[in-house]
Amino acid sequence: MDQLKILFDECDVVRFTTFKQDSKSAQESVKRCEEIIDYFERTIKS
């Protein structure tokens, strides 16, 4: 759940500020999102 909060915080920063996310940070956010989705898919199926 900590990873989900981090992802939401990153999204808020990009959405509500003039902050430009570099390519590496964007890729890390996508990777974190994929891991969170994978976690929930495995948890819900159990």
Protein backbone atom coordinates (compact mmCIF):
# COMPACT_ATOMS: atom_id res chain seq x y z
CA MET A 1 0.00 0.00 0.00
CA ASP A 2 2.97 2.30 0.50
CA GLN A 3 3.77 1.97 -3.20
CA LEU A 4 0.20 2.98 -4.09
CA LYS A 5 0.46 6.13 -1.97
CA ILE A 6 3.80 6.98 -3.58
CA LEU A 7 2.26 6.56 -7.03
CA PHE A 8 -0.72 8.77 -6.16
CA ASP A 9 1.63 11.41 -4.76
CA GLU A 10 3.68 11.36 -7.97
CA CYS A 11 0.52 11.72 -10.05
CA ASP A 12 -0.63 14.68 -7.96
CA VAL A 13 2.71 16.43 -8.36
CA VAL A 14 2.64 16.05 -12.13
CA ARG A 15 -1.04 16.94 -12.39
CA PHE A 16 -1.19 19.98 -10.10
CA THR A 17 2.19 21.65 -10.61
CA THR A 18 4.33 22.80 -13.49
CA PHE A 19 6.80 20.03 -12.66
CA LYS A 20 8.02 18.21 -15.76
CA GLN A 21 8.72 14.54 -15.11
CA ASP A 22 11.80 13.28 -16.92
CA SER A 23 11.73 10.10 -18.97
CA LYS A 24 13.41 7.97 -16.31
CA SER A 25 10.97 9.07 -13.59
CA ALA A 26 8.03 8.46 -15.89
CA GLN A 27 9.29 4.94 -16.63
CA GLU A 28 9.70 4.27 -12.90
CA SER A 29 6.13 5.44 -12.29
CA VAL A 30 4.83 3.14 -15.02
CA LYS A 31 6.81 0.23 -13.56
CA ARG A 32 5.44 0.97 -10.07
CA CYS A 33 1.92 1.07 -11.51
CA GLU A 34 2.40 -2.27 -13.26
CA GLU A 35 3.65 -3.82 -10.02
CA ILE A 36 0.67 -2.48 -8.08
CA ILE A 37 -1.79 -3.79 -10.68
CA ASP A 38 -0.05 -7.17 -10.65
CA TYR A 39 -0.24 -7.28 -6.86
CA PHE A 40 -3.97 -6.54 -6.84
CA GLU A 41 -4.66 -9.05 -9.61
CA ARG A 42 -2.88 -11.79 -7.66
CA THR A 43 -4.54 -10.80 -4.37
CA ILE A 44 -8.07 -10.61 -5.75
CA LYS A 45 -7.78 -13.98 -7.49
CA SER A 46 -6.73 -15.69 -4.26
